[in-house]
Amino acid sequence: MNFLRSLFGGGGQHNSSDPNGLYIYVQPKGCDEVVRVRINLMNDLSESDEGQGYIVHKVARGTKCHQNVEIFLTFNGQRKVVEQHIEGGTAVDAAAYQAWLAANSPPTP
């Protein structure tokens, strides 16, 4: 559970200008690209079969690396992440995404 808190910042990395967005970051297997995935907490979640929380399944693909990463998340009734499963890649943090962007951005004149 502590891993999820560190990965999602205690329940999600929310942007004050995007209160319904949860951002997660994944790195496809065999690629150095890091992909940012936005989950809309009001529209993307489906009620779980038990009716006591929510689930979401997303497939992410980068722009340079064309490997699919499947993301499965389980949320509690307050829309906080309680479980995750990643196939075809690994979860990384926002710092890894920012580092990848910095390393792959064209130099500014």
PDB file of N, CA and C in Angstrom:
ATOM      1  N   MET A   1       0.813  -1.192   0.000  1.00  0.00           N
ATOM      2  CA  MET A   1       0.000   0.000   0.000  1.00  0.00           C
ATOM      3  C   MET A   1       0.860   1.261   0.000  1.00  0.00           C
ATOM      4  N   ASN A   2       2.011   1.221   0.681  1.00  0.00           N
ATOM      5  CA  ASN A   2       2.887   2.387   0.674  1.00  0.00           C
ATOM      6  C   ASN A   2       3.403   2.687  -0.721  1.00  0.00           C
ATOM      7  N   PHE A   3       3.609   1.612  -1.534  1.00  0.00           N
ATOM      8  CA  PHE A   3       4.041   1.828  -2.902  1.00  0.00           C
ATOM      9  C   PHE A   3       3.001   2.642  -3.665  1.00  0.00           C
ATOM     10  N   LEU A   4       1.730   2.304  -3.486  1.00  0.00           N
ATOM     11  CA  LEU A   4       0.670   3.057  -4.165  1.00  0.00           C
ATOM     12  C   LEU A   4       0.646   4.502  -3.712  1.00  0.00           C
ATOM     13  N   ARG A   5       0.837   4.723  -2.412  1.00  0.00           N
ATOM     14  CA  ARG A   5       0.852   6.107  -1.927  1.00  0.00           C
ATOM     15  C   ARG A   5       1.985   6.901  -2.549  1.00  0.00           C
ATOM     16  N   SER A   6       3.168   6.291  -2.636  1.00  0.00           N
ATOM     17  CA  SER A   6       4.292   7.011  -3.227  1.00  0.00           C
ATOM     18  C   SER A   6       4.096   7.203  -4.728  1.00  0.00           C
ATOM     19  N   LEU A   7       3.501   6.207  -5.376  1.00  0.00           N
ATOM     20  CA  LEU A   7       3.287   6.297  -6.812  1.00  0.00           C
ATOM     21  C   LEU A   7       2.203   7.308  -7.159  1.00  0.00           C
ATOM     22  N   PHE A   8       1.138   7.309  -6.384  1.00  0.00           N
ATOM     23  CA  PHE A   8       0.002   8.179  -6.676  1.00  0.00           C
ATOM     24  C   PHE A   8      -0.095   9.359  -5.721  1.00  0.00           C
ATOM     25  N   GLY A   9       0.899   9.560  -4.879  1.00  0.00           N
ATOM     26  CA  GLY A   9       0.874  10.707  -3.977  1.00  0.00           C
ATOM     27  C   GLY A   9      -0.232  10.621  -2.942  1.00  0.00           C
ATOM     28  N   GLY A  10      -0.478   9.437  -2.384  1.00  0.00           N
ATOM     29  CA  GLY A  10      -1.496   9.306  -1.349  1.00  0.00           C
ATOM     30  C   GLY A  10      -2.900   9.240  -1.905  1.00  0.00           C
ATOM     31  N   GLY A  11      -3.091   8.658  -3.046  1.00  0.00           N
ATOM     32  CA  GLY A  11      -4.434   8.486  -3.577  1.00  0.00           C
ATOM     33  C   GLY A  11      -4.592   9.082  -4.951  1.00  0.00           C
ATOM     34  N   GLY A  12      -3.574   9.706  -5.483  1.00  0.00           N
ATOM     35  CA  GLY A  12      -3.665  10.214  -6.836  1.00  0.00           C
ATOM     36  C   GLY A  12      -2.883  11.494  -7.006  1.00  0.00           C
ATOM     37  N   GLN A  13      -2.299  11.661  -8.162  1.00  0.00           N
ATOM     38  CA  GLN A  13      -1.612  12.898  -8.458  1.00  0.00           C
ATOM     39  C   GLN A  13      -2.602  13.780  -9.198  1.00  0.00           C
ATOM     40  N   HIS A  14      -3.195  14.675  -8.456  1.00  0.00           N
ATOM     41  CA  HIS A  14      -4.192  15.557  -9.020  1.00  0.00           C
ATOM     42  C   HIS A  14      -3.558  16.910  -9.315  1.00  0.00           C
ATOM     43  N   ASN A  15      -4.019  17.499 -10.353  1.00  0.00           N
ATOM     44  CA  ASN A  15      -3.594  18.832 -10.732  1.00  0.00           C
ATOM     45  C   ASN A  15      -4.704  19.773 -10.311  1.00  0.00           C
ATOM     46  N   SER A  16      -4.371  20.880  -9.656  1.00  0.00           N
ATOM     47  CA  SER A  16      -5.413  21.787  -9.180  1.00  0.00           C
ATOM     48  C   SER A  16      -6.283  22.303 -10.319  1.00  0.00           C
ATOM     49  N   SER A  17      -5.749  22.366 -11.523  1.00  0.00           N
ATOM     50  CA  SER A  17      -6.553  22.797 -12.667  1.00  0.00           C
ATOM     51  C   SER A  17      -7.327  21.635 -13.283  1.00  0.00           C
ATOM     52  N   ASP A  18      -7.137  20.427 -12.775  1.00  0.00           N
ATOM     53  CA  ASP A  18      -7.812  19.233 -13.284  1.00  0.00           C
ATOM     54  C   ASP A  18      -8.220  18.353 -12.099  1.00  0.00           C
ATOM     55  N   PRO A  19      -9.209  18.778 -11.313  1.00  0.00           N
ATOM     56  CA  PRO A  19      -9.552  18.045 -10.086  1.00  0.00           C
ATOM     57  C   PRO A  19     -10.118  16.652 -10.321  1.00  0.00           C
ATOM     58  N   ASN A  20     -10.633  16.365 -11.517  1.00  0.00           N
ATOM     59  CA  ASN A  20     -11.189  15.043 -11.805  1.00  0.00           C
ATOM     60  C   ASN A  20     -10.188  14.114 -12.470  1.00  0.00           C
ATOM     61  N   GLY A  21      -8.964  14.576 -12.681  1.00  0.00           N
ATOM     62  CA  GLY A  21      -7.957  13.770 -13.352  1.00  0.00           C
ATOM     63  C   GLY A  21      -6.990  13.125 -12.379  1.00  0.00           C
ATOM     64  N   LEU A  22      -6.742  11.845 -12.595  1.00  0.00           N
ATOM     65  CA  LEU A  22      -5.720  11.102 -11.862  1.00  0.00           C
ATOM     66  C   LEU A  22      -4.676  10.718 -12.892  1.00  0.00           C
ATOM     67  N   TYR A  23      -3.422  11.086 -12.666  1.00  0.00           N
ATOM     68  CA  TYR A  23      -2.352  10.810 -13.621  1.00  0.00           C
ATOM     69  C   TYR A  23      -1.466   9.700 -13.093  1.00  0.00           C
ATOM     70  N   ILE A  24      -1.249   8.698 -13.942  1.00  0.00           N
ATOM     71  CA  ILE A  24      -0.310   7.638 -13.613  1.00  0.00           C
ATOM     72  C   ILE A  24       0.697   7.558 -14.753  1.00  0.00           C
ATOM     73  N   TYR A  25       1.821   6.942 -14.467  1.00  0.00           N
ATOM     74  CA  TYR A  25       2.940   6.915 -15.404  1.00  0.00           C
ATOM     75  C   TYR A  25       3.418   5.486 -15.550  1.00  0.00           C
ATOM     76  N   VAL A  26       3.601   5.059 -16.798  1.00  0.00           N
ATOM     77  CA  VAL A  26       4.052   3.699 -17.066  1.00  0.00           C
ATOM     78  C   VAL A  26       5.175   3.720 -18.094  1.00  0.00           C
ATOM     79  N   GLN A  27       6.010   2.701 -18.014  1.00  0.00           N
ATOM     80  CA  GLN A  27       7.084   2.525 -18.984  1.00  0.00           C
ATOM     81  C   GLN A  27       6.891   1.170 -19.647  1.00  0.00           C
ATOM     82  N   PRO A  28       6.626   1.152 -20.969  1.00  0.00           N
ATOM     83  CA  PRO A  28       6.442  -0.126 -21.667  1.00  0.00           C
ATOM     84  C   PRO A  28       7.713  -0.976 -21.614  1.00  0.00           C
ATOM     85  N   LYS A  29       7.526  -2.306 -21.593  1.00  0.00           N
ATOM     86  CA  LYS A  29       8.681  -3.217 -21.598  1.00  0.00           C
ATOM     87  C   LYS A  29       9.497  -3.008 -22.860  1.00  0.00           C
ATOM     88  N   GLY A  30      10.799  -2.982 -22.694  1.00  0.00           N
ATOM     89  CA  GLY A  30      11.710  -2.855 -23.825  1.00  0.00           C
ATOM     90  C   GLY A  30      11.818  -1.458 -24.393  1.00  0.00           C
ATOM     91  N   CYS A  31      11.267  -0.467 -23.710  1.00  0.00           N
ATOM     92  CA  CYS A  31      11.297   0.912 -24.199  1.00  0.00           C
ATOM     93  C   CYS A  31      11.827   1.835 -23.112  1.00  0.00           C
ATOM     94  N   ASP A  32      12.417   2.942 -23.538  1.00  0.00           N
ATOM     95  CA  ASP A  32      12.822   3.928 -22.542  1.00  0.00           C
ATOM     96  C   ASP A  32      11.765   5.014 -22.378  1.00  0.00           C
ATOM     97  N   GLU A  33      10.762   5.027 -23.237  1.00  0.00           N
ATOM     98  CA  GLU A  33       9.709   6.039 -23.161  1.00  0.00           C
ATOM     99  C   GLU A  33       8.857   5.847 -21.907  1.00  0.00           C
ATOM    100  N   VAL A  34       8.454   6.961 -21.307  1.00  0.00           N
ATOM    101  CA  VAL A  34       7.540   6.948 -20.175  1.00  0.00           C
ATOM    102  C   VAL A  34       6.256   7.626 -20.641  1.00  0.00           C
ATOM    103  N   VAL A  35       5.127   6.983 -20.389  1.00  0.00           N
ATOM    104  CA  VAL A  35       3.838   7.439 -20.875  1.00  0.00           C
ATOM    105  C   VAL A  35       2.986   7.918 -19.703  1.00  0.00           C
ATOM    106  N   ARG A  36       2.389   9.094 -19.862  1.00  0.00           N
ATOM    107  CA  ARG A  36       1.469   9.622 -18.856  1.00  0.00           C
ATOM    108  C   ARG A  36       0.044   9.242 -19.272  1.00  0.00           C
ATOM    109  N   VAL A  37      -0.717   8.723 -18.325  1.00  0.00           N
ATOM    110  CA  VAL A  37      -2.087   8.290 -18.583  1.00  0.00           C
ATOM    111  C   VAL A  37      -3.010   9.053 -17.644  1.00  0.00           C
ATOM    112  N   ARG A  38      -4.048   9.653 -18.224  1.00  0.00           N
ATOM    113  CA  ARG A  38      -5.027  10.372 -17.412  1.00  0.00           C
ATOM    114  C   ARG A  38      -6.256   9.501 -17.223  1.00  0.00           C
ATOM    115  N   ILE A  39      -6.686   9.397 -15.974  1.00  0.00           N
ATOM    116  CA  ILE A  39      -7.918   8.691 -15.635  1.00  0.00           C
ATOM    117  C   ILE A  39      -8.904   9.754 -15.166  1.00  0.00           C
ATOM    118  N   ASN A  40     -10.054   9.837 -15.808  1.00  0.00           N
ATOM    119  CA  ASN A  40     -11.093  10.758 -15.387  1.00  0.00           C
ATOM    120  C   ASN A  40     -11.896  10.065 -14.291  1.00  0.00           C
ATOM    121  N   LEU A  41     -11.793  10.583 -13.074  1.00  0.00           N
ATOM    122  CA  LEU A  41     -12.421   9.937 -11.927  1.00  0.00           C
ATOM    123  C   LEU A  41     -13.941  10.006 -11.960  1.00  0.00           C
ATOM    124  N   MET A  42     -14.502  10.870 -12.791  1.00  0.00           N
ATOM    125  CA  MET A  42     -15.960  10.979 -12.881  1.00  0.00           C
ATOM    126  C   MET A  42     -16.533  10.164 -14.039  1.00  0.00           C
ATOM    127  N   ASN A  43     -15.725   9.853 -15.060  1.00  0.00           N
ATOM    128  CA  ASN A  43     -16.259   9.191 -16.252  1.00  0.00           C
ATOM    129  C   ASN A  43     -15.623   7.851 -16.586  1.00  0.00           C
ATOM    130  N   ASP A  44     -14.374   7.622 -16.214  1.00  0.00           N
ATOM    131  CA  ASP A  44     -13.677   6.403 -16.630  1.00  0.00           C
ATOM    132  C   ASP A  44     -13.918   5.214 -15.706  1.00  0.00           C
ATOM    133  N   LEU A  45     -14.335   5.454 -14.481  1.00  0.00           N
ATOM    134  CA  LEU A  45     -14.494   4.376 -13.521  1.00  0.00           C
ATOM    135  C   LEU A  45     -15.829   3.657 -13.724  1.00  0.00           C
ATOM    136  N   SER A  46     -15.801   2.340 -13.561  1.00  0.00           N
ATOM    137  CA  SER A  46     -17.011   1.516 -13.593  1.00  0.00           C
ATOM    138  C   SER A  46     -17.222   0.927 -12.207  1.00  0.00           C
ATOM    139  N   GLU A  47     -18.464   0.795 -11.815  1.00  0.00           N
ATOM    140  CA  GLU A  47     -18.749   0.208 -10.513  1.00  0.00           C
ATOM    141  C   GLU A  47     -18.318  -1.260 -10.521  1.00  0.00           C
ATOM    142  N   SER A  48     -17.695  -1.690  -9.440  1.00  0.00           N
ATOM    143  CA  SER A  48     -17.247  -3.084  -9.350  1.00  0.00           C
ATOM    144  C   SER A  48     -18.465  -4.006  -9.227  1.00  0.00           C
ATOM    145  N   ASP A  49     -18.246  -5.280  -9.518  1.00  0.00           N
ATOM    146  CA  ASP A  49     -19.332  -6.258  -9.439  1.00  0.00           C
ATOM    147  C   ASP A  49     -19.929  -6.336  -8.042  1.00  0.00           C
ATOM    148  N   GLU A  50     -19.101  -6.119  -7.030  1.00  0.00           N
ATOM    149  CA  GLU A  50     -19.574  -6.183  -5.650  1.00  0.00           C
ATOM    150  C   GLU A  50     -20.322  -4.915  -5.255  1.00  0.00           C
ATOM    151  N   GLY A  51     -20.178  -3.850  -6.031  1.00  0.00           N
ATOM    152  CA  GLY A  51     -20.855  -2.591  -5.747  1.00  0.00           C
ATOM    153  C   GLY A  51     -20.253  -1.801  -4.607  1.00  0.00           C
ATOM    154  N   GLN A  52     -19.030  -2.127  -4.209  1.00  0.00           N
ATOM    155  CA  GLN A  52     -18.415  -1.438  -3.077  1.00  0.00           C
ATOM    156  C   GLN A  52     -17.186  -0.641  -3.488  1.00  0.00           C
ATOM    157  N   GLY A  53     -17.049  -0.362  -4.744  1.00  0.00           N
ATOM    158  CA  GLY A  53     -15.913   0.396  -5.238  1.00  0.00           C
ATOM    159  C   GLY A  53     -15.995   0.490  -6.748  1.00  0.00           C
ATOM    160  N   TYR A  54     -14.861   0.796  -7.340  1.00  0.00           N
ATOM    161  CA  TYR A  54     -14.816   1.022  -8.779  1.00  0.00           C
ATOM    162  C   TYR A  54     -13.600   0.323  -9.378  1.00  0.00           C
ATOM    163  N   ILE A  55     -13.649   0.133 -10.695  1.00  0.00           N
ATOM    164  CA  ILE A  55     -12.520  -0.424 -11.425  1.00  0.00           C
ATOM    165  C   ILE A  55     -12.316   0.380 -12.703  1.00  0.00           C
ATOM    166  N   VAL A  56     -11.111   0.290 -13.234  1.00  0.00           N
ATOM    167  CA  VAL A  56     -10.830   0.894 -14.529  1.00  0.00           C
ATOM    168  C   VAL A  56      -9.774   0.046 -15.226  1.00  0.00           C
ATOM    169  N   HIS A  57      -9.901  -0.049 -16.531  1.00  0.00           N
ATOM    170  CA  HIS A  57      -8.930  -0.746 -17.377  1.00  0.00           C
ATOM    171  C   HIS A  57      -8.576   0.207 -18.501  1.00  0.00           C
ATOM    172  N   LYS A  58      -7.305   0.515 -18.644  1.00  0.00           N
ATOM    173  CA  LYS A  58      -6.821   1.391 -19.712  1.00  0.00           C
ATOM    174  C   LYS A  58      -5.691   0.702 -20.453  1.00  0.00           C
ATOM    175  N   VAL A  59      -5.580   0.997 -21.726  1.00  0.00           N
ATOM    176  CA  VAL A  59      -4.450   0.540 -22.523  1.00  0.00           C
ATOM    177  C   VAL A  59      -3.707   1.782 -22.981  1.00  0.00           C
ATOM    178  N   ALA A  60      -2.414   1.821 -22.700  1.00  0.00           N
ATOM    179  CA  ALA A  60      -1.586   2.975 -23.054  1.00  0.00           C
ATOM    180  C   ALA A  60      -0.551   2.562 -24.084  1.00  0.00           C
ATOM    181  N   ARG A  61      -0.208   3.509 -24.936  1.00  0.00           N
ATOM    182  CA  ARG A  61       0.831   3.292 -25.945  1.00  0.00           C
ATOM    183  C   ARG A  61       1.535   4.640 -26.140  1.00  0.00           C
ATOM    184  N   GLY A  62       2.833   4.592 -26.187  1.00  0.00           N
ATOM    185  CA  GLY A  62       3.598   5.809 -26.368  1.00  0.00           C
ATOM    186  C   GLY A  62       3.598   6.289 -27.808  1.00  0.00           C
ATOM    187  N   THR A  63       4.262   7.409 -28.035  1.00  0.00           N
ATOM    188  CA  THR A  63       4.374   7.956 -29.380  1.00  0.00           C
ATOM    189  C   THR A  63       5.618   7.459 -30.092  1.00  0.00           C
ATOM    190  N   LYS A  64       6.642   7.096 -29.338  1.00  0.00           N
ATOM    191  CA  LYS A  64       7.882   6.598 -29.929  1.00  0.00           C
ATOM    192  C   LYS A  64       7.968   5.075 -29.849  1.00  0.00           C
ATOM    193  N   CYS A  65       7.436   4.528 -28.800  1.00  0.00           N
ATOM    194  CA  CYS A  65       7.441   3.081 -28.572  1.00  0.00           C
ATOM    195  C   CYS A  65       6.010   2.582 -28.752  1.00  0.00           C
ATOM    196  N   HIS A  66       5.829   1.568 -29.541  1.00  0.00           N
ATOM    197  CA  HIS A  66       4.480   1.122 -29.859  1.00  0.00           C
ATOM    198  C   HIS A  66       4.091  -0.165 -29.142  1.00  0.00           C
ATOM    199  N   GLN A  67       4.613  -0.342 -27.932  1.00  0.00           N
ATOM    200  CA  GLN A  67       4.239  -1.476 -27.090  1.00  0.00           C
ATOM    201  C   GLN A  67       3.042  -1.066 -26.229  1.00  0.00           C
ATOM    202  N   ASN A  68       2.035  -1.924 -26.168  1.00  0.00           N
ATOM    203  CA  ASN A  68       0.879  -1.652 -25.321  1.00  0.00           C
ATOM    204  C   ASN A  68       1.191  -1.957 -23.867  1.00  0.00           C
ATOM    205  N   VAL A  69       0.644  -1.132 -22.978  1.00  0.00           N
ATOM    206  CA  VAL A  69       0.697  -1.368 -21.544  1.00  0.00           C
ATOM    207  C   VAL A  69      -0.750  -1.372 -21.058  1.00  0.00           C
ATOM    208  N   GLU A  70      -1.143  -2.455 -20.407  1.00  0.00           N
ATOM    209  CA  GLU A  70      -2.498  -2.538 -19.866  1.00  0.00           C
ATOM    210  C   GLU A  70      -2.462  -2.186 -18.389  1.00  0.00           C
ATOM    211  N   ILE A  71      -3.386  -1.314 -18.002  1.00  0.00           N
ATOM    212  CA  ILE A  71      -3.444  -0.804 -16.636  1.00  0.00           C
ATOM    213  C   ILE A  71      -4.794  -1.194 -16.050  1.00  0.00           C
ATOM    214  N   PHE A  72      -4.754  -1.890 -14.925  1.00  0.00           N
ATOM    215  CA  PHE A  72      -5.965  -2.277 -14.208  1.00  0.00           C
ATOM    216  C   PHE A  72      -5.887  -1.644 -12.819  1.00  0.00           C
ATOM    217  N   LEU A  73      -6.868  -0.829 -12.469  1.00  0.00           N
ATOM    218  CA  LEU A  73      -6.887  -0.183 -11.163  1.00  0.00           C
ATOM    219  C   LEU A  73      -8.189  -0.502 -10.455  1.00  0.00           C
ATOM    220  N   THR A  74      -8.109  -0.675  -9.135  1.00  0.00           N
ATOM    221  CA  THR A  74      -9.275  -0.855  -8.286  1.00  0.00           C
ATOM    222  C   THR A  74      -9.319   0.326  -7.321  1.00  0.00           C
ATOM    223  N   PHE A  75     -10.498   0.895  -7.153  1.00  0.00           N
ATOM    224  CA  PHE A  75     -10.700   2.057  -6.292  1.00  0.00           C
ATOM    225  C   PHE A  75     -11.689   1.707  -5.192  1.00  0.00           C
ATOM    226  N   ASN A  76     -11.581   2.397  -4.058  1.00  0.00           N
ATOM    227  CA  ASN A  76     -12.582   2.231  -3.012  1.00  0.00           C
ATOM    228  C   ASN A  76     -13.769   3.155  -3.318  1.00  0.00           C
ATOM    229  N   GLY A  77     -14.720   3.212  -2.428  1.00  0.00           N
ATOM    230  CA  GLY A  77     -15.917   4.026  -2.637  1.00  0.00           C
ATOM    231  C   GLY A  77     -15.642   5.514  -2.696  1.00  0.00           C
ATOM    232  N   GLN A  78     -14.489   5.957  -2.178  1.00  0.00           N
ATOM    233  CA  GLN A  78     -14.106   7.373  -2.224  1.00  0.00           C
ATOM    234  C   GLN A  78     -13.219   7.692  -3.423  1.00  0.00           C
ATOM    235  N   ARG A  79     -13.150   6.752  -4.360  1.00  0.00           N
ATOM    236  CA  ARG A  79     -12.384   6.901  -5.599  1.00  0.00           C
ATOM    237  C   ARG A  79     -10.876   7.056  -5.351  1.00  0.00           C
ATOM    238  N   LYS A  80     -10.383   6.355  -4.352  1.00  0.00           N
ATOM    239  CA  LYS A  80      -8.950   6.303  -4.058  1.00  0.00           C
ATOM    240  C   LYS A  80      -8.427   4.946  -4.515  1.00  0.00           C
ATOM    241  N   VAL A  81      -7.247   4.937  -5.137  1.00  0.00           N
ATOM    242  CA  VAL A  81      -6.650   3.694  -5.637  1.00  0.00           C
ATOM    243  C   VAL A  81      -6.302   2.789  -4.464  1.00  0.00           C
ATOM    244  N   VAL A  82      -6.758   1.540  -4.545  1.00  0.00           N
ATOM    245  CA  VAL A  82      -6.423   0.557  -3.508  1.00  0.00           C
ATOM    246  C   VAL A  82      -5.623  -0.615  -4.067  1.00  0.00           C
ATOM    247  N   GLU A  83      -5.655  -0.803  -5.397  1.00  0.00           N
ATOM    248  CA  GLU A  83      -4.907  -1.899  -6.001  1.00  0.00           C
ATOM    249  C   GLU A  83      -4.617  -1.561  -7.454  1.00  0.00           C
ATOM    250  N   GLN A  84      -3.463  -2.026  -7.925  1.00  0.00           N
ATOM    251  CA  GLN A  84      -3.127  -1.836  -9.330  1.00  0.00           C
ATOM    252  C   GLN A  84      -2.446  -3.077  -9.878  1.00  0.00           C
ATOM    253  N   HIS A  85      -2.617  -3.247 -11.181  1.00  0.00           N
ATOM    254  CA  HIS A  85      -1.941  -4.334 -11.885  1.00  0.00           C
ATOM    255  C   HIS A  85      -1.555  -3.786 -13.255  1.00  0.00           C
ATOM    256  N   ILE A  86      -0.294  -3.910 -13.611  1.00  0.00           N
ATOM    257  CA  ILE A  86       0.226  -3.413 -14.887  1.00  0.00           C
ATOM    258  C   ILE A  86       0.745  -4.600 -15.681  1.00  0.00           C
ATOM    259  N   GLU A  87       0.326  -4.719 -16.946  1.00  0.00           N
ATOM    260  CA  GLU A  87       0.826  -5.768 -17.838  1.00  0.00           C
ATOM    261  C   GLU A  87       1.499  -5.121 -19.034  1.00  0.00           C
ATOM    262  N   GLY A  88       2.657  -5.629 -19.404  1.00  0.00           N
ATOM    263  CA  GLY A  88       3.373  -5.116 -20.563  1.00  0.00           C
ATOM    264  C   GLY A  88       4.259  -3.926 -20.259  1.00  0.00           C
ATOM    265  N   GLY A  89       4.473  -3.648 -18.986  1.00  0.00           N
ATOM    266  CA  GLY A  89       5.315  -2.529 -18.598  1.00  0.00           C
ATOM    267  C   GLY A  89       5.380  -2.427 -17.092  1.00  0.00           C
ATOM    268  N   THR A  90       5.927  -1.323 -16.621  1.00  0.00           N
ATOM    269  CA  THR A  90       6.033  -1.093 -15.184  1.00  0.00           C
ATOM    270  C   THR A  90       5.530   0.298 -14.841  1.00  0.00           C
ATOM    271  N   ALA A  91       5.029   0.441 -13.642  1.00  0.00           N
ATOM    272  CA  ALA A  91       4.604   1.744 -13.140  1.00  0.00           C
ATOM    273  C   ALA A  91       5.841   2.517 -12.691  1.00  0.00           C
ATOM    274  N   VAL A  92       5.868   3.797 -13.013  1.00  0.00           N
ATOM    275  CA  VAL A  92       6.945   4.689 -12.570  1.00  0.00           C
ATOM    276  C   VAL A  92       6.293   5.932 -11.973  1.00  0.00           C
ATOM    277  N   ASP A  93       7.106   6.831 -11.454  1.00  0.00           N
ATOM    278  CA  ASP A  93       6.540   8.029 -10.845  1.00  0.00           C
ATOM    279  C   ASP A  93       6.630   9.233 -11.781  1.00  0.00           C
ATOM    280  N   ALA A  94       6.053  10.338 -11.339  1.00  0.00           N
ATOM    281  CA  ALA A  94       6.027  11.556 -12.149  1.00  0.00           C
ATOM    282  C   ALA A  94       7.436  12.077 -12.418  1.00  0.00           C
ATOM    283  N   ALA A  95       8.355  11.871 -11.491  1.00  0.00           N
ATOM    284  CA  ALA A  95       9.734  12.329 -11.682  1.00  0.00           C
ATOM    285  C   ALA A  95      10.382  11.613 -12.867  1.00  0.00           C
ATOM    286  N   ALA A  96      10.109  10.323 -13.031  1.00  0.00           N
ATOM    287  CA  ALA A  96      10.645   9.577 -14.172  1.00  0.00           C
ATOM    288  C   ALA A  96      10.076  10.120 -15.478  1.00  0.00           C
ATOM    289  N   TYR A  97       8.799  10.482 -15.463  1.00  0.00           N
ATOM    290  CA  TYR A  97       8.172  11.074 -16.658  1.00  0.00           C
ATOM    291  C   TYR A  97       8.810  12.423 -16.992  1.00  0.00           C
ATOM    292  N   GLN A  98       9.007  13.263 -15.988  1.00  0.00           N
ATOM    293  CA  GLN A  98       9.621  14.576 -16.212  1.00  0.00           C
ATOM    294  C   GLN A  98      11.058  14.422 -16.711  1.00  0.00           C
ATOM    295  N   ALA A  99      11.795  13.458 -16.169  1.00  0.00           N
ATOM    296  CA  ALA A  99      13.170  13.214 -16.613  1.00  0.00           C
ATOM    297  C   ALA A  99      13.180  12.741 -18.058  1.00  0.00           C
ATOM    298  N   TRP A 100      12.243  11.858 -18.422  1.00  0.00           N
ATOM    299  CA  TRP A 100      12.172  11.382 -19.803  1.00  0.00           C
ATOM    300  C   TRP A 100      11.830  12.539 -20.745  1.00  0.00           C
ATOM    301  N   LEU A 101      10.891  13.393 -20.348  1.00  0.00           N
ATOM    302  CA  LEU A 101      10.553  14.549 -21.188  1.00  0.00           C
ATOM    303  C   LEU A 101      11.763  15.457 -21.380  1.00  0.00           C
ATOM    304  N   ALA A 102      12.473  15.720 -20.303  1.00  0.00           N
ATOM    305  CA  ALA A 102      13.642  16.603 -20.385  1.00  0.00           C
ATOM    306  C   ALA A 102      14.712  16.021 -21.296  1.00  0.00           C
ATOM    307  N   ALA A 103      14.911  14.726 -21.221  1.00  0.00           N
ATOM    308  CA  ALA A 103      15.939  14.075 -22.041  1.00  0.00           C
ATOM    309  C   ALA A 103      15.541  13.966 -23.498  1.00  0.00           C
ATOM    310  N   ASN A 104      14.259  14.035 -23.800  1.00  0.00           N
ATOM    311  CA  ASN A 104      13.797  13.828 -25.163  1.00  0.00           C
ATOM    312  C   ASN A 104      13.163  15.055 -25.786  1.00  0.00           C
ATOM    313  N   SER A 105      13.271  16.194 -25.132  1.00  0.00           N
ATOM    314  CA  SER A 105      12.761  17.437 -25.707  1.00  0.00           C
ATOM    315  C   SER A 105      13.833  18.074 -26.580  1.00  0.00           C
ATOM    316  N   PRO A 106      13.405  18.694 -27.670  1.00  0.00           N
ATOM    317  CA  PRO A 106      14.400  19.383 -28.477  1.00  0.00           C
ATOM    318  C   PRO A 106      15.034  20.526 -27.693  1.00  0.00           C
ATOM    319  N   PRO A 107      16.304  20.771 -27.922  1.00  0.00           N
ATOM    320  CA  PRO A 107      16.963  21.862 -27.195  1.00  0.00           C
ATOM    321  C   PRO A 107      16.364  23.215 -27.588  1.00  0.00           C
ATOM    322  N   THR A 108      16.271  24.097 -26.615  1.00  0.00           N
ATOM    323  CA  THR A 108      15.765  25.436 -26.895  1.00  0.00           C
ATOM    324  C   THR A 108      16.933  26.341 -27.305  1.00  0.00           C
ATOM    325  N   PRO A 109      16.711  27.151 -28.312  1.00  0.00           N
ATOM    326  CA  PRO A 109      17.815  28.010 -28.792  1.00  0.00           C
ATOM    327  C   PRO A 109      18.151  29.107 -27.829  1.00  0.00           C
TER     328      PRO A 109
END
